[in-house]
Structure formats: C-alpha cells, structure tokens
C-alpha atoms as a PDB file:
ATOM      1  CA  MET A   1     106.643 128.298  84.362  1.00  0.00           C
ATOM      2  CA  THR A   2     110.273 127.291  84.234  1.00  0.00           C
ATOM      3  CA  ALA A   3     111.498 123.757  84.784  1.00  0.00           C
ATOM      4  CA  THR A   4     112.813 124.699  88.228  1.00  0.00           C
ATOM      5  CA  GLY A   5     109.513 126.299  89.206  1.00  0.00           C
ATOM      6  CA  GLN A   6     107.575 123.287  87.973  1.00  0.00           C
ATOM      7  CA  ALA A   7     109.824 120.902  89.912  1.00  0.00           C
ATOM      8  CA  ARG A   8     109.371 123.008  93.053  1.00  0.00           C
ATOM      9  CA  HIS A   9     105.595 122.945  92.535  1.00  0.00           C
ATOM     10  CA  VAL A  10     105.605 119.139  92.249  1.00  0.00           C
ATOM     11  CA  LEU A  11     107.797 118.869  95.348  1.00  0.00           C
ATOM     12  CA  TRP A  12     105.424 121.008  97.438  1.00  0.00           C
ATOM     13  CA  ARG A  13     102.414 119.110  96.124  1.00  0.00           C
ATOM     14  CA  ARG A  14     103.957 115.775  97.145  1.00  0.00           C
ATOM     15  CA  LEU A  15     104.952 117.158 100.529  1.00  0.00           C
ATOM     16  CA  GLY A  16     101.416 118.447 101.130  1.00  0.00           C
ATOM     17  CA  ASP A  17      99.936 115.100 100.107  1.00  0.00           C
ATOM     18  CA  ASN A  18     102.243 113.278 102.512  1.00  0.00           C
ATOM     19  CA  VAL A  19     101.360 115.644 105.341  1.00  0.00           C
ATOM     20  CA  LEU A  20      97.644 115.037 104.730  1.00  0.00           C
ATOM     21  CA  ARG A  21      98.234 111.287 104.760  1.00  0.00           C
ATOM     22  CA  LEU A  22     100.175 111.569 108.021  1.00  0.00           C
ATOM     23  CA  ILE A  23      97.375 113.585 109.618  1.00  0.00           C
ATOM     24  CA  ALA A  24      94.830 111.032 108.390  1.00  0.00           C
ATOM     25  CA  ALA A  25      96.972 108.136 109.593  1.00  0.00           C
ATOM     26  CA  MET A  26      97.790 109.274 113.107  1.00  0.00           C
ATOM     27  CA  PRO A  27      95.245 111.468 114.932  1.00  0.00           C
ATOM     28  CA  VAL A  28      92.258 111.003 112.621  1.00  0.00           C
ATOM     29  CA  SER A  29      92.463 107.203 112.540  1.00  0.00           C
ATOM     30  CA  TYR A  30      92.680 107.119 116.339  1.00  0.00           C
ATOM     31  CA  ALA A  31      89.655 109.409 116.625  1.00  0.00           C
ATOM     32  CA  VAL A  32      87.669 107.312 114.135  1.00  0.00           C
ATOM     33  CA  ALA A  33      88.515 104.118 116.022  1.00  0.00           C
ATOM     34  CA  SER A  34      87.473 105.729 119.313  1.00  0.00           C
ATOM     35  CA  LEU A  35      84.168 106.891 117.850  1.00  0.00           C
ATOM     36  CA  TRP A  36      83.461 103.426 116.473  1.00  0.00           C
ATOM     37  CA  ALA A  37      84.323 101.879 119.853  1.00  0.00           C
ATOM     38  CA  MET A  38      81.732 104.141 121.480  1.00  0.00           C
ATOM     39  CA  ALA A  39      79.130 103.388 118.814  1.00  0.00           C
ATOM     40  CA  LEU A  40      79.656  99.632 118.895  1.00  0.00           C
ATOM     41  CA  ALA A  41      79.659  99.506 122.698  1.00  0.00           C
ATOM     42  CA  ARG A  42      76.243 101.148 122.674  1.00  0.00           C
ATOM     43  CA  ILE A  43      74.566  99.150 119.902  1.00  0.00           C
ATOM     44  CA  LEU A  44      75.949  95.616 120.338  1.00  0.00           C
ATOM     45  CA  PRO A  45      73.638  93.292 122.275  1.00  0.00           C
ATOM     46  CA  GLY A  46      74.788  91.530 125.411  1.00  0.00           C
ATOM     47  CA  ASP A  47      76.395  92.197 128.733  1.00  0.00           C
ATOM     48  CA  PRO A  48      77.912  95.706 128.978  1.00  0.00           C
ATOM     49  CA  VAL A  49      81.357  94.370 129.888  1.00  0.00           C
ATOM     50  CA  GLN A  50      81.416  91.969 126.944  1.00  0.00           C
ATOM     51  CA  THR A  51      80.148  94.541 124.457  1.00  0.00           C
ATOM     52  CA  THR A  52      82.727  97.047 125.638  1.00  0.00           C
ATOM     53  CA  MET A  53      85.532  94.537 125.184  1.00  0.00           C
ATOM     54  CA  ALA A  54      84.257  93.496 121.752  1.00  0.00           C
ATOM     55  CA  ALA A  55      83.954  97.136 120.710  1.00  0.00           C
ATOM     56  CA  ALA A  56      87.467  97.943 121.946  1.00  0.00           C
ATOM     57  CA  LEU A  57      88.996  95.005 120.084  1.00  0.00           C
ATOM     58  CA  THR A  58      87.091  95.880 116.924  1.00  0.00           C
ATOM     59  CA  ALA A  59      88.225  99.496 117.213  1.00  0.00           C
ATOM     60  CA  LEU A  60      91.834  98.337 117.493  1.00  0.00           C
ATOM     61  CA  LEU A  61      91.415  96.513 114.185  1.00  0.00           C
ATOM     62  CA  LEU A  62      89.690  99.547 112.643  1.00  0.00           C
ATOM     63  CA  CYS A  63      92.535 101.833 113.716  1.00  0.00           C
ATOM     64  CA  GLY A  64      95.042  99.657 111.866  1.00  0.00           C
ATOM     65  CA  LEU A  65      92.820  99.499 108.795  1.00  0.00           C
ATOM     66  CA  ALA A  66      92.378 103.278 108.853  1.00  0.00           C
ATOM     67  CA  VAL A  67      96.140 103.803 108.915  1.00  0.00           C
ATOM     68  CA  MET A  68      96.545 101.451 105.974  1.00  0.00           C
ATOM     69  CA  TRP A  69      93.733 103.248 104.125  1.00  0.00           C
ATOM     70  CA  ALA A  70      95.427 106.608 104.699  1.00  0.00           C
ATOM     71  CA  TYR A  71      98.429 105.454 102.686  1.00  0.00           C
ATOM     72  CA  ALA A  72      96.525 103.329 100.156  1.00  0.00           C
ATOM     73  CA  ALA A  73      94.063 106.027  99.074  1.00  0.00           C
ATOM     74  CA  ARG A  74      94.473 107.786  95.749  1.00  0.00           C
ATOM     75  CA  SER A  75      95.230 111.127  97.411  1.00  0.00           C
ATOM     76  CA  GLY A  76      95.713 112.624 100.835  1.00  0.00           C
ATOM     77  CA  TRP A  77      92.453 114.554 100.623  1.00  0.00           C
ATOM     78  CA  ARG A  78      90.507 111.411  99.754  1.00  0.00           C
ATOM     79  CA  ALA A  79      92.037 109.556 102.699  1.00  0.00           C
ATOM     80  CA  LEU A  80      91.305 112.396 105.087  1.00  0.00           C
ATOM     81  CA  TRP A  81      87.701 112.989 104.009  1.00  0.00           C
ATOM     82  CA  THR A  82      86.876 109.280 103.906  1.00  0.00           C
ATOM     83  CA  LEU A  83      88.061 108.844 107.472  1.00  0.00           C
ATOM     84  CA  VAL A  84      86.269 112.013 108.603  1.00  0.00           C
ATOM     85  CA  MET A  85      83.034 110.694 107.077  1.00  0.00           C
ATOM     86  CA  ALA A  86      83.503 107.302 108.782  1.00  0.00           C
ATOM     87  CA  GLY A  87      83.992 109.095 112.089  1.00  0.00           C
ATOM     88  CA  GLY A  88      80.938 111.234 111.427  1.00  0.00           C
ATOM     89  CA  ILE A  89      78.812 108.133 110.878  1.00  0.00           C
ATOM     90  CA  ALA A  90      80.047 106.596 114.126  1.00  0.00           C
ATOM     91  CA  GLY A  91      79.449 109.870 115.969  1.00  0.00           C
ATOM     92  CA  ALA A  92      75.906 110.048 114.587  1.00  0.00           C
ATOM     93  CA  ILE A  93      75.226 106.483 115.712  1.00  0.00           C
ATOM     94  CA  THR A  94      76.525 107.275 119.186  1.00  0.00           C
ATOM     95  CA  TRP A  95      74.586 110.514 119.430  1.00  0.00           C
ATOM     96  CA  GLY A  96      71.412 108.847 118.186  1.00  0.00           C
ATOM     97  CA  SER A  97      71.682 105.999 120.649  1.00  0.00           C
ATOM     98  CA  ILE A  98      72.200 108.440 123.516  1.00  0.00           C
ATOM     99  CA  ALA A  99      69.216 110.509 122.360  1.00  0.00           C
ATOM    100  CA  VAL A 100      66.955 107.450 122.111  1.00  0.00           C
ATOM    101  CA  TRP A 101      68.089 105.246 125.001  1.00  0.00           C
ATOM    102  CA  GLY A 102      69.751 107.802 127.260  1.00  0.00           C
ATOM    103  CA  ARG A 103      73.112 107.520 128.941  1.00  0.00           C
ATOM    104  CA  VAL A 104      74.205 104.247 130.480  1.00  0.00           C
END
C-alpha cells in the first residue's frame, strides 16, 4: 500500500469511528435514557407520579452520561455496543415488569 493509500485508509477509519460515536451519542443515548425512564418508573416504589418524575430526572442524567461515554470510549464500536446493551437491559426490565405485574 502506498503512503497516499495508507493515509486515505486512516482518514476513512477515523471518519467511520466519528460517525459511530455520533450515532451512539445522539439517537442511541436518547433511546437508552427513555428505556431506563420506563424501567425505573415501573420498578421504583412509591406514588406513580413521584416515581415517574424521579425516573424522568434520572433518565435526563443518564442521557448526558451516555453522550459523554460515547466520546470517552476507546472506539466507536465499543461506545455503540455498550449503550445498546444498557438499553437492552432496561428493555428487559420493562418487559419483565409488564409480564409479571401487567400494564399500569
């Protein structure tokens, strides 16, 4: 591979990594925060209004942390898959609580 070809390869690799980080930071972090808001609203004890507010405020914090994680991770793929797994856990908690306790 020539020096120009190698430089082009590095450029595309960096661009792809940045695109993955952007995808992880914007839509995926919002989806993960929404899933955790649903999960926390269902499993926190207390009055439904208070648990919903606590879950929404916690999800707002989680969304910011997820965006920071997307740019702090070692690679774009690691950031994306970590956030997808966190969303999967929250989705499983929500689904499980609906299956056990029914809809509210």
